[in-house]
Amino acid sequence: MKIYNRHRDLTKRRELRRSMTRYEVIFWQAARRRQLGYKCKRQFGIGAYVVDFCFPRQKLIVEIDGDYHLHQKEYDHVRNQYCKLLGYRVLRFRNSDMEYRLENVVK
């Protein structure tokens, strides 16, 4: 069974790429085209979930969280646990981190 970038979620992933938040765009500008030394994929499907950014070879997920994540902590926890079971590390950053500490986030 395919769990990465399932075809049935293609439209959802495309829409998420088109409607990235300002802070996701800021991170993407820093991470795209292997600027960090690693291949980064945005709006990457893992099972039933779509993560903001994924560095597949490094098994690293980066999430940029807006205020709405304050109201979906249980969902985020379940998604993080699923990804961790597959061997991924999940790093979460707040929008304010992107605005004021981008250099630290990129490191």
N, C-alpha and C. Protein backbone atom coordinates (compact mmCIF):
# COMPACT_ATOMS: atom_id res chain seq x y z
N MET A 1 0.84 -1.18 0.00
CA MET A 1 0.00 0.00 0.00
C MET A 1 0.89 1.25 0.00
N LYS A 2 0.60 2.16 -0.88
CA LYS A 2 1.38 3.39 -1.00
C LYS A 2 0.99 4.37 0.12
N ILE A 3 1.99 4.90 0.82
CA ILE A 3 1.67 5.87 1.87
C ILE A 3 2.21 7.26 1.57
N TYR A 4 3.12 7.38 0.61
CA TYR A 4 3.69 8.69 0.31
C TYR A 4 3.02 9.29 -0.92
N ASN A 5 2.57 10.53 -0.77
CA ASN A 5 1.95 11.29 -1.87
C ASN A 5 0.91 10.46 -2.63
N ARG A 6 -0.06 9.96 -1.86
CA ARG A 6 -1.13 9.16 -2.47
C ARG A 6 -1.84 9.98 -3.54
N HIS A 7 -2.17 9.31 -4.63
CA HIS A 7 -2.81 9.98 -5.77
C HIS A 7 -4.13 10.65 -5.36
N ARG A 8 -4.88 10.02 -4.48
CA ARG A 8 -6.18 10.59 -4.08
C ARG A 8 -6.05 11.91 -3.32
N ASP A 9 -4.85 12.22 -2.82
CA ASP A 9 -4.62 13.48 -2.11
C ASP A 9 -3.93 14.53 -2.98
N LEU A 10 -3.74 14.24 -4.25
CA LEU A 10 -3.02 15.14 -5.15
C LEU A 10 -3.65 16.52 -5.20
N THR A 11 -4.95 16.61 -5.36
CA THR A 11 -5.63 17.90 -5.44
C THR A 11 -5.44 18.69 -4.15
N LYS A 12 -5.53 18.02 -3.02
CA LYS A 12 -5.34 18.67 -1.72
C LYS A 12 -3.92 19.23 -1.61
N ARG A 13 -2.93 18.44 -1.99
CA ARG A 13 -1.55 18.90 -1.91
C ARG A 13 -1.30 20.09 -2.83
N ARG A 14 -1.85 20.03 -4.03
CA ARG A 14 -1.69 21.15 -4.97
C ARG A 14 -2.32 22.43 -4.40
N GLU A 15 -3.51 22.29 -3.84
CA GLU A 15 -4.18 23.46 -3.27
C GLU A 15 -3.38 24.03 -2.10
N LEU A 16 -2.83 23.17 -1.27
CA LEU A 16 -2.02 23.64 -0.15
C LEU A 16 -0.76 24.36 -0.65
N ARG A 17 -0.17 23.87 -1.73
CA ARG A 17 1.00 24.56 -2.29
C ARG A 17 0.63 25.94 -2.82
N ARG A 18 -0.54 26.03 -3.45
CA ARG A 18 -0.99 27.33 -4.00
C ARG A 18 -1.34 28.32 -2.90
N SER A 19 -1.77 27.83 -1.76
CA SER A 19 -2.26 28.72 -0.71
C SER A 19 -1.35 28.73 0.52
N MET A 20 -0.05 28.57 0.30
CA MET A 20 0.88 28.58 1.42
C MET A 20 0.80 29.90 2.16
N THR A 21 0.98 29.84 3.47
CA THR A 21 0.97 31.06 4.27
C THR A 21 2.25 31.85 4.00
N ARG A 22 2.23 33.07 4.40
CA ARG A 22 3.42 33.94 4.25
C ARG A 22 4.65 33.29 4.89
N TYR A 23 4.45 32.68 6.04
CA TYR A 23 5.57 32.10 6.78
C TYR A 23 6.06 30.80 6.14
N GLU A 24 5.16 30.04 5.54
CA GLU A 24 5.58 28.87 4.79
C GLU A 24 6.38 29.27 3.56
N VAL A 25 5.97 30.35 2.90
CA VAL A 25 6.71 30.85 1.74
C VAL A 25 8.12 31.28 2.16
N ILE A 26 8.22 31.94 3.30
CA ILE A 26 9.54 32.38 3.79
C ILE A 26 10.45 31.16 3.99
N PHE A 27 9.93 30.11 4.62
CA PHE A 27 10.76 28.92 4.82
C PHE A 27 11.08 28.26 3.48
N TRP A 28 10.10 28.17 2.60
CA TRP A 28 10.32 27.53 1.31
C TRP A 28 11.41 28.26 0.52
N GLN A 29 11.42 29.57 0.57
CA GLN A 29 12.45 30.33 -0.14
C GLN A 29 13.84 29.99 0.39
N ALA A 30 13.94 29.66 1.66
CA ALA A 30 15.24 29.31 2.26
C ALA A 30 15.61 27.85 1.99
N ALA A 31 14.61 26.97 1.80
CA ALA A 31 14.88 25.54 1.73
C ALA A 31 14.86 24.95 0.32
N ARG A 32 14.26 25.64 -0.62
CA ARG A 32 14.11 25.06 -1.95
C ARG A 32 15.44 24.95 -2.68
N ARG A 33 15.45 24.14 -3.72
CA ARG A 33 16.63 23.94 -4.57
C ARG A 33 17.88 23.56 -3.79
N ARG A 34 17.68 22.77 -2.76
CA ARG A 34 18.79 22.25 -1.95
C ARG A 34 19.67 23.34 -1.34
N GLN A 35 19.10 24.51 -1.10
CA GLN A 35 19.88 25.61 -0.52
C GLN A 35 20.40 25.28 0.87
N LEU A 36 19.73 24.36 1.55
CA LEU A 36 20.18 23.95 2.88
C LEU A 36 21.08 22.71 2.80
N GLY A 37 21.35 22.26 1.57
CA GLY A 37 22.19 21.10 1.37
C GLY A 37 21.43 19.79 1.26
N TYR A 38 20.11 19.85 1.39
CA TYR A 38 19.28 18.65 1.34
C TYR A 38 18.04 18.92 0.51
N LYS A 39 17.51 17.88 -0.09
CA LYS A 39 16.29 18.02 -0.87
C LYS A 39 15.10 18.18 0.07
N CYS A 40 14.32 19.22 -0.18
CA CYS A 40 13.14 19.52 0.62
C CYS A 40 11.91 19.45 -0.27
N LYS A 41 10.86 18.83 0.23
CA LYS A 41 9.59 18.77 -0.49
C LYS A 41 8.54 19.48 0.33
N ARG A 42 7.72 20.28 -0.34
CA ARG A 42 6.67 21.01 0.38
C ARG A 42 5.34 20.31 0.17
N GLN A 43 4.49 20.43 1.18
CA GLN A 43 3.16 19.82 1.16
C GLN A 43 3.27 18.36 0.72
N PHE A 44 3.99 17.60 1.51
CA PHE A 44 4.34 16.21 1.22
C PHE A 44 3.36 15.29 1.93
N GLY A 45 2.80 14.34 1.21
CA GLY A 45 1.83 13.42 1.78
C GLY A 45 2.49 12.23 2.44
N ILE A 46 2.09 11.99 3.68
CA ILE A 46 2.53 10.81 4.43
C ILE A 46 1.27 10.19 5.01
N GLY A 47 0.88 9.06 4.45
CA GLY A 47 -0.38 8.44 4.86
C GLY A 47 -1.54 9.38 4.56
N ALA A 48 -2.42 9.54 5.53
CA ALA A 48 -3.58 10.41 5.37
C ALA A 48 -3.25 11.87 5.66
N TYR A 49 -2.01 12.17 5.96
CA TYR A 49 -1.61 13.51 6.37
C TYR A 49 -0.77 14.20 5.30
N VAL A 50 -0.81 15.53 5.32
CA VAL A 50 0.06 16.33 4.46
C VAL A 50 0.87 17.22 5.38
N VAL A 51 2.19 17.05 5.33
CA VAL A 51 3.07 17.85 6.18
C VAL A 51 3.56 19.07 5.39
N ASP A 52 3.89 20.14 6.10
CA ASP A 52 4.32 21.36 5.43
C ASP A 52 5.58 21.13 4.60
N PHE A 53 6.62 20.61 5.24
CA PHE A 53 7.90 20.40 4.56
C PHE A 53 8.49 19.08 5.02
N CYS A 54 9.13 18.39 4.08
CA CYS A 54 9.74 17.11 4.41
C CYS A 54 11.10 17.02 3.73
N PHE A 55 12.07 16.58 4.50
CA PHE A 55 13.39 16.24 3.99
C PHE A 55 13.44 14.71 4.04
N PRO A 56 13.02 14.05 2.95
CA PRO A 56 12.81 12.60 2.99
C PRO A 56 14.03 11.78 3.39
N ARG A 57 15.18 12.06 2.84
CA ARG A 57 16.37 11.25 3.16
C ARG A 57 16.81 11.42 4.61
N GLN A 58 16.56 12.60 5.15
CA GLN A 58 16.93 12.87 6.54
C GLN A 58 15.82 12.46 7.51
N LYS A 59 14.67 12.03 6.94
CA LYS A 59 13.51 11.65 7.76
C LYS A 59 13.16 12.78 8.72
N LEU A 60 13.09 14.00 8.16
CA LEU A 60 12.81 15.19 8.96
C LEU A 60 11.60 15.91 8.39
N ILE A 61 10.68 16.27 9.26
CA ILE A 61 9.49 17.04 8.89
C ILE A 61 9.58 18.38 9.60
N VAL A 62 9.29 19.44 8.87
CA VAL A 62 9.24 20.79 9.45
C VAL A 62 7.82 21.30 9.29
N GLU A 63 7.24 21.70 10.40
CA GLU A 63 5.89 22.27 10.41
C GLU A 63 5.98 23.74 10.83
N ILE A 64 5.28 24.59 10.10
CA ILE A 64 5.19 26.01 10.44
C ILE A 64 3.77 26.22 10.96
N ASP A 65 3.65 26.50 12.25
CA ASP A 65 2.34 26.54 12.89
C ASP A 65 1.82 27.96 13.09
N GLY A 66 0.63 28.19 12.56
CA GLY A 66 -0.09 29.42 12.82
C GLY A 66 -0.94 29.27 14.06
N ASP A 67 -1.72 30.29 14.37
CA ASP A 67 -2.55 30.27 15.58
C ASP A 67 -3.58 29.15 15.58
N TYR A 68 -4.02 28.72 14.39
CA TYR A 68 -5.03 27.67 14.33
C TYR A 68 -4.56 26.36 14.96
N HIS A 69 -3.26 26.17 15.05
CA HIS A 69 -2.75 24.94 15.66
C HIS A 69 -3.01 24.89 17.16
N LEU A 70 -3.29 26.05 17.75
CA LEU A 70 -3.64 26.07 19.18
C LEU A 70 -4.94 25.33 19.42
N HIS A 71 -5.77 25.22 18.40
CA HIS A 71 -7.09 24.59 18.54
C HIS A 71 -7.12 23.16 18.00
N GLN A 72 -6.01 22.65 17.53
CA GLN A 72 -6.00 21.29 16.99
C GLN A 72 -4.82 20.49 17.54
N LYS A 73 -4.55 20.67 18.82
CA LYS A 73 -3.41 20.01 19.45
C LYS A 73 -3.51 18.49 19.39
N GLU A 74 -4.71 17.95 19.60
CA GLU A 74 -4.87 16.50 19.57
C GLU A 74 -4.58 15.95 18.17
N TYR A 75 -5.11 16.61 17.15
CA TYR A 75 -4.86 16.19 15.76
C TYR A 75 -3.36 16.22 15.46
N ASP A 76 -2.70 17.31 15.84
CA ASP A 76 -1.26 17.43 15.61
C ASP A 76 -0.49 16.34 16.35
N HIS A 77 -0.91 16.04 17.56
CA HIS A 77 -0.24 15.00 18.35
C HIS A 77 -0.36 13.64 17.66
N VAL A 78 -1.56 13.29 17.20
CA VAL A 78 -1.78 12.02 16.52
C VAL A 78 -0.94 11.95 15.24
N ARG A 79 -0.94 13.05 14.48
CA ARG A 79 -0.15 13.08 13.24
C ARG A 79 1.34 12.94 13.54
N ASN A 80 1.83 13.64 14.56
CA ASN A 80 3.24 13.53 14.94
C ASN A 80 3.59 12.10 15.32
N GLN A 81 2.73 11.45 16.09
CA GLN A 81 2.98 10.07 16.52
C GLN A 81 3.04 9.13 15.32
N TYR A 82 2.15 9.32 14.37
CA TYR A 82 2.15 8.50 13.16
C TYR A 82 3.48 8.67 12.40
N CYS A 83 3.89 9.91 12.22
CA CYS A 83 5.14 10.18 11.50
C CYS A 83 6.35 9.63 12.26
N LYS A 84 6.32 9.73 13.57
CA LYS A 84 7.42 9.20 14.38
C LYS A 84 7.50 7.68 14.27
N LEU A 85 6.35 7.02 14.18
CA LEU A 85 6.34 5.57 13.99
C LEU A 85 7.02 5.16 12.69
N LEU A 86 6.98 6.05 11.71
CA LEU A 86 7.64 5.79 10.42
C LEU A 86 9.11 6.22 10.43
N GLY A 87 9.58 6.71 11.58
CA GLY A 87 10.99 7.06 11.72
C GLY A 87 11.32 8.53 11.49
N TYR A 88 10.30 9.38 11.38
CA TYR A 88 10.54 10.81 11.14
C TYR A 88 10.71 11.57 12.44
N ARG A 89 11.54 12.60 12.39
CA ARG A 89 11.60 13.60 13.46
C ARG A 89 10.74 14.76 13.00
N VAL A 90 10.01 15.35 13.92
CA VAL A 90 9.12 16.46 13.58
C VAL A 90 9.57 17.70 14.34
N LEU A 91 9.89 18.75 13.59
CA LEU A 91 10.22 20.04 14.19
C LEU A 91 9.07 21.00 13.90
N ARG A 92 8.59 21.66 14.95
CA ARG A 92 7.49 22.60 14.79
C ARG A 92 7.99 24.00 15.15
N PHE A 93 7.65 24.94 14.29
CA PHE A 93 8.01 26.34 14.53
C PHE A 93 6.75 27.19 14.44
N ARG A 94 6.69 28.21 15.24
CA ARG A 94 5.57 29.15 15.21
C ARG A 94 5.85 30.20 14.15
N ASN A 95 4.80 30.86 13.71
CA ASN A 95 4.95 31.94 12.74
C ASN A 95 5.93 32.99 13.23
N SER A 96 5.88 33.29 14.52
CA SER A 96 6.78 34.31 15.07
C SER A 96 8.25 33.89 14.95
N ASP A 97 8.51 32.59 15.01
CA ASP A 97 9.89 32.11 14.81
C ASP A 97 10.36 32.44 13.40
N MET A 98 9.46 32.28 12.44
CA MET A 98 9.81 32.57 11.05
C MET A 98 10.05 34.06 10.85
N GLU A 99 9.28 34.86 11.55
CA GLU A 99 9.37 36.31 11.39
C GLU A 99 10.63 36.89 12.05
N TYR A 100 10.91 36.41 13.26
CA TYR A 100 11.97 37.04 14.04
C TYR A 100 13.23 36.20 14.22
N ARG A 101 13.16 34.90 13.93
CA ARG A 101 14.31 34.02 14.17
C ARG A 101 14.56 33.08 13.00
N LEU A 102 14.35 33.57 11.79
CA LEU A 102 14.49 32.71 10.60
C LEU A 102 15.88 32.08 10.53
N GLU A 103 16.88 32.83 10.83
CA GLU A 103 18.25 32.29 10.76
C GLU A 103 18.42 31.09 11.70
N ASN A 104 17.86 31.18 12.90
CA ASN A 104 17.93 30.06 13.84
C ASN A 104 17.10 28.87 13.36
N VAL A 105 15.96 29.13 12.78
CA VAL A 105 15.11 28.06 12.26
C VAL A 105 15.85 27.31 11.15
N VAL A 106 16.47 28.02 10.26
CA VAL A 106 17.18 27.40 9.15
C VAL A 106 18.35 26.56 9.63
N LYS A 107 19.04 27.03 10.68
CA LYS A 107 20.15 26.25 11.26
C LYS A 107 19.61 24.96 11.83
